N, C-alpha and C. Protein backbone atom coordinates (compact mmCIF):
# COMPACT_ATOMS: atom_id res chain seq x y z
N UNK A 1 -30.03 -4.67 -1.63
CA UNK A 1 -30.26 -4.91 -0.22
C UNK A 1 -30.17 -6.40 0.10
N UNK A 2 -30.70 -7.24 -0.81
CA UNK A 2 -30.65 -8.69 -0.60
C UNK A 2 -29.20 -9.19 -0.59
N UNK A 3 -28.38 -8.59 -1.45
CA UNK A 3 -26.97 -8.99 -1.51
C UNK A 3 -26.25 -8.65 -0.22
N UNK A 4 -26.53 -7.48 0.35
CA UNK A 4 -25.90 -7.07 1.60
C UNK A 4 -26.34 -8.00 2.74
N UNK A 5 -27.62 -8.31 2.77
CA UNK A 5 -28.15 -9.22 3.80
C UNK A 5 -27.52 -10.60 3.66
N UNK A 6 -27.43 -11.08 2.44
CA UNK A 6 -26.82 -12.39 2.18
C UNK A 6 -25.34 -12.40 2.58
N UNK A 7 -24.65 -11.31 2.27
CA UNK A 7 -23.24 -11.20 2.64
C UNK A 7 -23.07 -11.21 4.16
N UNK A 8 -23.92 -10.47 4.85
CA UNK A 8 -23.86 -10.43 6.32
C UNK A 8 -24.12 -11.81 6.92
N UNK A 9 -25.08 -12.52 6.40
CA UNK A 9 -25.39 -13.87 6.89
C UNK A 9 -24.20 -14.78 6.66
N UNK A 10 -23.59 -14.69 5.49
CA UNK A 10 -22.42 -15.51 5.19
C UNK A 10 -21.25 -15.19 6.12
N UNK A 11 -21.03 -13.90 6.41
CA UNK A 11 -19.96 -13.51 7.33
C UNK A 11 -20.23 -14.02 8.74
N UNK A 12 -21.46 -13.98 9.17
CA UNK A 12 -21.81 -14.50 10.49
C UNK A 12 -21.58 -16.00 10.54
N UNK A 13 -21.97 -16.71 9.50
CA UNK A 13 -21.75 -18.17 9.45
C UNK A 13 -20.27 -18.49 9.49
N UNK A 14 -19.48 -17.75 8.73
CA UNK A 14 -18.03 -17.97 8.71
C UNK A 14 -17.44 -17.72 10.10
N UNK A 15 -17.86 -16.65 10.75
CA UNK A 15 -17.35 -16.33 12.10
C UNK A 15 -17.73 -17.43 13.09
N UNK A 16 -18.96 -17.90 13.04
CA UNK A 16 -19.41 -18.96 13.95
C UNK A 16 -18.60 -20.23 13.71
N UNK A 17 -18.41 -20.60 12.46
CA UNK A 17 -17.62 -21.81 12.14
C UNK A 17 -16.18 -21.64 12.62
N UNK A 18 -15.59 -20.46 12.39
CA UNK A 18 -14.22 -20.21 12.83
C UNK A 18 -14.10 -20.38 14.34
N UNK A 19 -15.01 -19.77 15.10
CA UNK A 19 -14.94 -19.87 16.56
C UNK A 19 -15.23 -21.28 17.05
N UNK A 20 -16.10 -22.00 16.36
CA UNK A 20 -16.38 -23.39 16.74
C UNK A 20 -15.17 -24.28 16.51
N UNK A 21 -14.51 -24.11 15.37
CA UNK A 21 -13.31 -24.90 15.07
C UNK A 21 -12.20 -24.56 16.07
N UNK A 22 -12.02 -23.29 16.36
CA UNK A 22 -11.00 -22.87 17.33
C UNK A 22 -11.28 -23.48 18.70
N UNK A 23 -12.51 -23.40 19.14
CA UNK A 23 -12.88 -23.97 20.45
C UNK A 23 -12.64 -25.48 20.46
N UNK A 24 -12.95 -26.15 19.37
CA UNK A 24 -12.74 -27.60 19.29
C UNK A 24 -11.24 -27.92 19.36
N UNK A 25 -10.42 -27.18 18.61
CA UNK A 25 -8.98 -27.42 18.62
C UNK A 25 -8.39 -27.22 20.00
N UNK A 26 -8.88 -26.25 20.74
CA UNK A 26 -8.29 -25.88 22.01
C UNK A 26 -8.94 -26.60 23.21
N UNK A 27 -9.85 -27.50 22.96
CA UNK A 27 -10.61 -28.13 24.04
C UNK A 27 -9.75 -28.87 25.06
N UNK A 28 -8.61 -29.38 24.67
CA UNK A 28 -7.77 -30.16 25.58
C UNK A 28 -6.62 -29.35 26.19
N UNK A 29 -6.53 -28.08 25.86
CA UNK A 29 -5.47 -27.26 26.44
C UNK A 29 -5.78 -26.95 27.90
N UNK A 30 -4.78 -26.45 28.59
CA UNK A 30 -4.97 -26.08 29.99
C UNK A 30 -5.99 -24.96 30.11
N UNK A 31 -6.69 -24.94 31.23
CA UNK A 31 -7.72 -23.93 31.49
C UNK A 31 -7.10 -22.54 31.61
N UNK A 32 -7.90 -21.54 31.26
CA UNK A 32 -7.42 -20.15 31.33
C UNK A 32 -8.05 -19.40 32.50
N UNK A 33 -8.52 -20.09 33.47
CA UNK A 33 -9.20 -19.47 34.60
C UNK A 33 -8.22 -19.13 35.73
N UNK A 34 -7.11 -18.51 35.36
CA UNK A 34 -6.06 -18.16 36.33
C UNK A 34 -5.53 -19.37 37.08
N UNK A 35 -5.52 -20.52 36.40
CA UNK A 35 -4.93 -21.72 37.01
C UNK A 35 -3.41 -21.58 36.95
N UNK A 36 -2.70 -22.19 37.89
CA UNK A 36 -1.24 -22.06 37.89
C UNK A 36 -0.60 -22.72 36.67
N UNK A 37 0.38 -22.05 36.13
CA UNK A 37 1.12 -22.61 34.99
C UNK A 37 2.00 -23.76 35.50
N UNK A 38 2.07 -24.85 34.76
CA UNK A 38 2.93 -25.96 35.19
C UNK A 38 4.41 -25.56 35.26
N UNK A 39 5.11 -26.20 36.15
CA UNK A 39 6.53 -25.93 36.35
C UNK A 39 7.34 -26.43 35.16
N UNK A 40 8.40 -25.70 34.84
CA UNK A 40 9.42 -26.19 33.91
C UNK A 40 10.75 -25.60 34.32
N UNK A 41 11.81 -26.28 33.95
CA UNK A 41 13.19 -25.85 34.16
C UNK A 41 13.97 -26.38 32.97
N UNK A 42 14.18 -25.52 31.96
CA UNK A 42 14.71 -25.97 30.68
C UNK A 42 15.95 -25.18 30.27
N UNK A 43 16.83 -25.84 29.50
CA UNK A 43 18.05 -25.16 29.04
C UNK A 43 17.80 -24.23 27.86
N UNK A 44 18.58 -23.17 27.79
CA UNK A 44 18.56 -22.29 26.62
C UNK A 44 19.20 -23.03 25.45
N UNK A 45 18.69 -22.81 24.26
CA UNK A 45 19.22 -23.50 23.09
C UNK A 45 20.67 -23.10 22.81
N UNK A 46 21.03 -21.86 23.07
CA UNK A 46 22.38 -21.40 22.74
C UNK A 46 23.35 -21.50 23.92
N UNK A 47 22.87 -22.00 25.07
CA UNK A 47 23.74 -22.16 26.24
C UNK A 47 23.10 -23.19 27.18
N UNK A 48 23.38 -24.45 26.95
CA UNK A 48 22.72 -25.52 27.71
C UNK A 48 23.06 -25.49 29.20
N UNK A 49 24.09 -24.74 29.58
CA UNK A 49 24.44 -24.62 31.00
C UNK A 49 23.49 -23.66 31.72
N UNK A 50 22.90 -22.74 30.96
CA UNK A 50 21.96 -21.78 31.55
C UNK A 50 20.54 -22.29 31.37
N UNK A 51 19.75 -22.23 32.44
CA UNK A 51 18.39 -22.73 32.42
C UNK A 51 17.42 -21.63 32.83
N UNK A 52 16.19 -21.76 32.35
CA UNK A 52 15.12 -20.86 32.76
C UNK A 52 14.01 -21.72 33.34
N UNK A 53 13.50 -21.30 34.50
CA UNK A 53 12.37 -22.02 35.08
C UNK A 53 11.19 -21.07 35.21
N UNK A 54 10.04 -21.64 35.47
CA UNK A 54 8.81 -20.87 35.52
C UNK A 54 8.87 -19.76 36.57
N UNK A 55 9.52 -20.00 37.68
CA UNK A 55 9.59 -19.00 38.75
C UNK A 55 10.29 -17.72 38.29
N UNK A 56 11.18 -17.82 37.31
CA UNK A 56 11.91 -16.66 36.81
C UNK A 56 11.01 -15.71 36.01
N UNK A 57 9.81 -16.16 35.68
CA UNK A 57 8.88 -15.35 34.91
C UNK A 57 7.94 -14.53 35.79
N UNK A 58 8.01 -14.76 37.09
CA UNK A 58 7.11 -14.08 38.01
C UNK A 58 7.32 -12.57 37.95
N UNK A 59 6.21 -11.83 38.01
CA UNK A 59 6.28 -10.37 38.04
C UNK A 59 6.09 -9.71 36.69
N UNK A 60 5.98 -10.48 35.61
CA UNK A 60 5.79 -9.90 34.29
C UNK A 60 4.89 -10.80 33.45
N UNK A 61 3.99 -10.21 32.71
CA UNK A 61 3.17 -10.99 31.79
C UNK A 61 4.08 -11.63 30.76
N UNK A 62 3.91 -12.93 30.54
CA UNK A 62 4.79 -13.67 29.63
C UNK A 62 3.98 -14.54 28.68
N UNK A 63 4.40 -14.55 27.44
CA UNK A 63 3.84 -15.47 26.46
C UNK A 63 4.80 -16.64 26.37
N UNK A 64 4.31 -17.83 26.68
CA UNK A 64 5.12 -19.04 26.57
C UNK A 64 4.65 -19.72 25.28
N UNK A 65 5.53 -19.70 24.29
CA UNK A 65 5.19 -20.09 22.93
C UNK A 65 5.86 -21.42 22.58
N UNK A 66 5.06 -22.44 22.32
CA UNK A 66 5.56 -23.77 21.99
C UNK A 66 5.56 -23.93 20.47
N UNK A 67 6.69 -24.37 19.94
CA UNK A 67 6.83 -24.52 18.49
C UNK A 67 7.69 -25.73 18.16
N UNK A 68 7.66 -26.08 16.89
CA UNK A 68 8.55 -27.13 16.36
C UNK A 68 9.30 -26.52 15.18
N UNK A 69 10.57 -26.82 15.03
CA UNK A 69 11.35 -26.19 13.95
C UNK A 69 10.90 -26.57 12.54
N UNK A 70 10.17 -27.64 12.40
CA UNK A 70 9.67 -28.06 11.09
C UNK A 70 8.32 -27.43 10.76
N UNK A 71 7.73 -26.71 11.70
CA UNK A 71 6.38 -26.17 11.59
C UNK A 71 6.35 -24.90 10.74
N UNK A 72 5.69 -24.96 9.59
CA UNK A 72 5.60 -23.82 8.69
C UNK A 72 4.81 -22.68 9.31
N UNK A 73 3.72 -22.99 9.99
CA UNK A 73 2.90 -21.94 10.63
C UNK A 73 3.74 -21.22 11.69
N UNK A 74 4.55 -21.97 12.43
CA UNK A 74 5.42 -21.36 13.45
C UNK A 74 6.37 -20.36 12.80
N UNK A 75 6.88 -20.73 11.64
CA UNK A 75 7.83 -19.86 10.92
C UNK A 75 7.19 -18.52 10.58
N UNK A 76 5.90 -18.52 10.28
CA UNK A 76 5.20 -17.27 9.94
C UNK A 76 4.69 -16.54 11.18
N UNK A 77 4.41 -17.26 12.23
CA UNK A 77 3.80 -16.67 13.42
C UNK A 77 4.83 -16.09 14.41
N UNK A 78 5.97 -16.73 14.54
CA UNK A 78 6.95 -16.29 15.53
C UNK A 78 7.47 -14.87 15.32
N UNK A 79 7.69 -14.41 14.10
CA UNK A 79 8.08 -13.00 13.93
C UNK A 79 7.00 -12.04 14.46
N UNK A 80 5.73 -12.42 14.37
CA UNK A 80 4.66 -11.59 14.93
C UNK A 80 4.80 -11.50 16.44
N UNK A 81 5.10 -12.62 17.07
CA UNK A 81 5.31 -12.66 18.51
C UNK A 81 6.48 -11.75 18.89
N UNK A 82 7.56 -11.89 18.19
CA UNK A 82 8.76 -11.07 18.46
C UNK A 82 8.43 -9.58 18.31
N UNK A 83 7.69 -9.24 17.29
CA UNK A 83 7.34 -7.85 17.04
C UNK A 83 6.48 -7.28 18.15
N UNK A 84 5.52 -8.04 18.64
CA UNK A 84 4.63 -7.59 19.71
C UNK A 84 5.41 -7.31 20.98
N UNK A 85 6.37 -8.13 21.29
CA UNK A 85 7.07 -8.00 22.56
C UNK A 85 8.19 -6.97 22.55
N UNK A 86 8.64 -6.54 21.37
CA UNK A 86 9.73 -5.58 21.28
C UNK A 86 9.40 -4.24 21.92
N UNK A 87 8.20 -3.75 21.73
CA UNK A 87 7.85 -2.42 22.21
C UNK A 87 6.75 -2.47 23.27
N UNK A 88 6.81 -3.47 24.13
CA UNK A 88 5.75 -3.58 25.14
C UNK A 88 6.33 -4.11 26.45
N UNK A 89 5.48 -4.23 27.42
CA UNK A 89 5.86 -4.79 28.72
C UNK A 89 5.63 -6.29 28.77
N UNK A 90 5.39 -6.88 27.62
CA UNK A 90 5.13 -8.32 27.55
C UNK A 90 6.44 -9.05 27.30
N UNK A 91 6.67 -10.07 28.07
CA UNK A 91 7.83 -10.93 27.94
C UNK A 91 7.44 -12.12 27.06
N UNK A 92 8.38 -12.71 26.36
CA UNK A 92 8.09 -13.90 25.55
C UNK A 92 9.26 -14.86 25.62
N UNK A 93 8.92 -16.14 25.69
CA UNK A 93 9.93 -17.18 25.55
C UNK A 93 9.37 -18.23 24.60
N UNK A 94 10.25 -18.80 23.82
CA UNK A 94 9.87 -19.89 22.94
C UNK A 94 10.38 -21.19 23.52
N UNK A 95 9.57 -22.23 23.42
CA UNK A 95 9.98 -23.55 23.86
C UNK A 95 9.87 -24.49 22.67
N UNK A 96 11.02 -24.97 22.21
CA UNK A 96 11.08 -25.89 21.08
C UNK A 96 10.70 -27.30 21.53
N UNK A 97 9.85 -27.93 20.76
CA UNK A 97 9.47 -29.31 20.99
C UNK A 97 9.56 -30.06 19.66
N UNK A 98 9.57 -31.35 19.72
CA UNK A 98 9.54 -32.20 18.53
C UNK A 98 10.66 -31.85 17.54
N UNK A 99 11.86 -31.74 18.05
CA UNK A 99 13.03 -31.46 17.21
C UNK A 99 13.95 -32.69 17.21
N UNK A 100 14.72 -32.84 16.14
CA UNK A 100 15.64 -33.98 16.04
C UNK A 100 16.89 -33.76 16.87
N UNK A 101 17.39 -32.52 16.84
CA UNK A 101 18.60 -32.19 17.59
C UNK A 101 18.62 -30.68 17.83
N UNK A 102 19.40 -30.23 18.80
CA UNK A 102 19.43 -28.79 19.11
C UNK A 102 19.85 -27.92 17.92
N UNK A 103 20.70 -28.43 17.05
CA UNK A 103 21.14 -27.63 15.90
C UNK A 103 19.97 -27.26 14.99
N UNK A 104 19.02 -28.15 14.88
CA UNK A 104 17.83 -27.87 14.08
C UNK A 104 17.09 -26.64 14.64
N UNK A 105 17.03 -26.54 15.95
CA UNK A 105 16.38 -25.40 16.61
C UNK A 105 17.23 -24.14 16.41
N UNK A 106 18.54 -24.26 16.58
CA UNK A 106 19.45 -23.13 16.38
C UNK A 106 19.28 -22.57 14.97
N UNK A 107 19.23 -23.43 13.96
CA UNK A 107 19.07 -22.99 12.57
C UNK A 107 17.74 -22.27 12.37
N UNK A 108 16.67 -22.81 12.94
CA UNK A 108 15.35 -22.20 12.84
C UNK A 108 15.35 -20.79 13.43
N UNK A 109 15.89 -20.66 14.64
CA UNK A 109 15.95 -19.37 15.34
C UNK A 109 16.81 -18.38 14.56
N UNK A 110 17.92 -18.85 14.04
CA UNK A 110 18.83 -18.00 13.26
C UNK A 110 18.16 -17.52 11.97
N UNK A 111 17.46 -18.41 11.28
CA UNK A 111 16.77 -18.03 10.04
C UNK A 111 15.76 -16.92 10.27
N UNK A 112 15.12 -16.92 11.44
CA UNK A 112 14.09 -15.92 11.74
C UNK A 112 14.63 -14.70 12.50
N UNK A 113 15.92 -14.72 12.83
CA UNK A 113 16.55 -13.63 13.59
C UNK A 113 15.80 -13.35 14.90
N UNK A 114 15.43 -14.40 15.59
CA UNK A 114 14.71 -14.24 16.85
C UNK A 114 15.66 -13.85 17.97
N UNK A 115 15.22 -12.95 18.84
CA UNK A 115 16.05 -12.52 19.96
C UNK A 115 15.49 -12.97 21.30
N UNK A 116 14.25 -13.43 21.32
CA UNK A 116 13.67 -13.90 22.58
C UNK A 116 14.39 -15.16 23.04
N UNK A 117 14.37 -15.45 24.34
CA UNK A 117 14.98 -16.69 24.81
C UNK A 117 14.27 -17.91 24.22
N UNK A 118 15.04 -18.86 23.75
CA UNK A 118 14.49 -20.09 23.20
C UNK A 118 15.01 -21.25 24.05
N UNK A 119 14.07 -22.04 24.56
CA UNK A 119 14.41 -23.16 25.43
C UNK A 119 14.20 -24.48 24.69
N UNK A 120 14.96 -25.47 25.10
CA UNK A 120 14.79 -26.81 24.56
C UNK A 120 13.84 -27.59 25.46
N UNK A 121 12.62 -27.77 24.98
CA UNK A 121 11.61 -28.48 25.75
C UNK A 121 11.80 -29.98 25.65
N UNK A 122 11.00 -30.69 26.40
CA UNK A 122 11.05 -32.15 26.41
C UNK A 122 9.62 -32.70 26.46
N UNK A 123 9.51 -34.02 26.42
CA UNK A 123 8.19 -34.66 26.43
C UNK A 123 7.41 -34.35 27.71
N UNK A 124 8.13 -34.21 28.81
CA UNK A 124 7.49 -33.91 30.08
C UNK A 124 6.81 -32.53 30.01
N UNK A 125 7.51 -31.55 29.50
CA UNK A 125 6.95 -30.20 29.35
C UNK A 125 5.78 -30.23 28.38
N UNK A 126 5.94 -30.94 27.27
CA UNK A 126 4.87 -31.05 26.28
C UNK A 126 3.61 -31.65 26.90
N UNK A 127 3.79 -32.67 27.70
CA UNK A 127 2.66 -33.32 28.37
C UNK A 127 2.03 -32.39 29.42
N UNK A 128 2.85 -31.75 30.23
CA UNK A 128 2.33 -30.87 31.28
C UNK A 128 1.51 -29.71 30.71
N UNK A 129 1.91 -29.20 29.56
CA UNK A 129 1.20 -28.08 28.95
C UNK A 129 0.17 -28.54 27.91
N UNK A 130 0.02 -29.85 27.76
CA UNK A 130 -0.98 -30.45 26.87
C UNK A 130 -0.85 -29.95 25.43
N UNK A 131 0.38 -29.95 24.95
CA UNK A 131 0.64 -29.49 23.59
C UNK A 131 0.43 -30.65 22.62
N UNK A 132 -0.54 -30.48 21.73
CA UNK A 132 -0.83 -31.54 20.75
C UNK A 132 -0.65 -31.04 19.32
N UNK A 133 -0.44 -29.73 19.15
CA UNK A 133 -0.25 -29.16 17.82
C UNK A 133 0.61 -27.91 17.95
N UNK A 134 1.20 -27.52 16.83
CA UNK A 134 2.09 -26.36 16.81
C UNK A 134 1.58 -25.33 15.83
N UNK A 135 1.76 -24.06 16.14
CA UNK A 135 2.19 -23.51 17.41
C UNK A 135 1.04 -23.46 18.41
N UNK A 136 1.40 -23.45 19.67
CA UNK A 136 0.45 -23.25 20.77
C UNK A 136 1.13 -22.30 21.75
N UNK A 137 0.37 -21.37 22.29
CA UNK A 137 0.96 -20.52 23.31
C UNK A 137 -0.01 -20.27 24.44
N UNK A 138 0.59 -19.98 25.58
CA UNK A 138 -0.16 -19.60 26.78
C UNK A 138 0.32 -18.23 27.22
N UNK A 139 -0.60 -17.43 27.73
CA UNK A 139 -0.23 -16.16 28.36
C UNK A 139 -0.30 -16.38 29.86
N UNK A 140 0.80 -16.06 30.51
CA UNK A 140 0.93 -16.26 31.95
C UNK A 140 1.07 -14.89 32.59
N UNK A 141 0.25 -14.62 33.61
CA UNK A 141 0.29 -13.30 34.26
C UNK A 141 1.44 -13.22 35.27
N UNK A 142 1.49 -12.10 35.96
CA UNK A 142 2.57 -11.82 36.90
C UNK A 142 2.64 -12.82 38.05
N UNK A 143 1.51 -13.45 38.35
CA UNK A 143 1.45 -14.44 39.44
C UNK A 143 1.61 -15.87 38.93
N UNK A 144 2.05 -16.01 37.68
CA UNK A 144 2.29 -17.31 37.04
C UNK A 144 1.01 -18.11 36.85
N UNK A 145 -0.07 -17.41 36.54
CA UNK A 145 -1.36 -18.05 36.27
C UNK A 145 -1.68 -17.91 34.79
N UNK A 146 -2.30 -18.93 34.23
CA UNK A 146 -2.67 -18.91 32.82
C UNK A 146 -3.92 -18.06 32.63
N UNK A 147 -3.81 -17.05 31.77
CA UNK A 147 -4.94 -16.15 31.53
C UNK A 147 -5.49 -16.26 30.11
N UNK A 148 -4.71 -16.81 29.17
CA UNK A 148 -5.17 -16.97 27.79
C UNK A 148 -4.36 -18.08 27.14
N UNK A 149 -4.89 -18.55 26.01
CA UNK A 149 -4.21 -19.60 25.24
C UNK A 149 -4.63 -19.47 23.79
N UNK A 150 -3.82 -20.02 22.93
CA UNK A 150 -4.14 -20.01 21.52
C UNK A 150 -3.38 -21.12 20.82
N UNK A 151 -3.97 -21.60 19.74
CA UNK A 151 -3.34 -22.65 18.95
C UNK A 151 -3.43 -22.23 17.48
N UNK A 152 -2.36 -22.41 16.75
CA UNK A 152 -2.36 -22.06 15.34
C UNK A 152 -1.73 -20.71 15.10
N UNK A 153 -1.85 -20.24 13.87
CA UNK A 153 -1.25 -18.96 13.47
C UNK A 153 -1.77 -17.84 14.34
N UNK A 154 -0.89 -16.94 14.71
CA UNK A 154 -1.27 -15.77 15.51
C UNK A 154 -0.72 -14.51 14.87
N UNK A 155 -1.60 -13.59 14.60
CA UNK A 155 -1.20 -12.28 14.08
C UNK A 155 -0.73 -11.42 15.24
N UNK A 156 -0.09 -10.30 14.91
CA UNK A 156 0.32 -9.37 15.96
C UNK A 156 -0.90 -8.90 16.75
N UNK A 157 -1.97 -8.57 16.04
CA UNK A 157 -3.18 -8.09 16.70
C UNK A 157 -3.76 -9.17 17.61
N UNK A 158 -3.82 -10.40 17.13
CA UNK A 158 -4.35 -11.49 17.95
C UNK A 158 -3.55 -11.70 19.23
N UNK A 159 -2.25 -11.62 19.12
CA UNK A 159 -1.38 -11.79 20.30
C UNK A 159 -1.61 -10.64 21.28
N UNK A 160 -1.69 -9.40 20.76
CA UNK A 160 -1.91 -8.25 21.62
C UNK A 160 -3.25 -8.36 22.35
N UNK A 161 -4.28 -8.75 21.64
CA UNK A 161 -5.61 -8.87 22.27
C UNK A 161 -5.59 -9.93 23.35
N UNK A 162 -4.99 -11.08 23.10
CA UNK A 162 -4.92 -12.15 24.10
C UNK A 162 -4.11 -11.74 25.32
N UNK A 163 -3.11 -10.88 25.11
CA UNK A 163 -2.22 -10.49 26.21
C UNK A 163 -2.82 -9.41 27.10
N UNK A 164 -3.91 -8.80 26.69
CA UNK A 164 -4.53 -7.74 27.49
C UNK A 164 -5.08 -8.27 28.79
């Protein structure tokens, strides 16, 4: 009985530490109180003539996922994002930041066989969305308001829960 009690206490401590660290990491991100998502108008990585702007996301819940092609966590997390959106009403777009050149992003997307739209972000977009680490994502509702956010690795379950 003492071992079970000790185990439960340890699990509670681990959970509290995890949530405290997560809250600390996300302290500078945009608020999730249905505040409006910042504007962007960015080119697609595979067609720089075609652009996507925030207004085009209206009417559908969208995960706006910020990544860097050198980011190992992004490499493991993005397939989870793609999997969640394949069989749901959730839209997803990736916005590449901190890349040396567009080809680096193309290679990253190709290696992961991603089919979601991937945009080439810039410092202005990074600043507007307060991106300080990768990966970071925001969930934007049908009215283009931020309803959730996350930083770091995201499992399929974590993404689904945040998107509810």
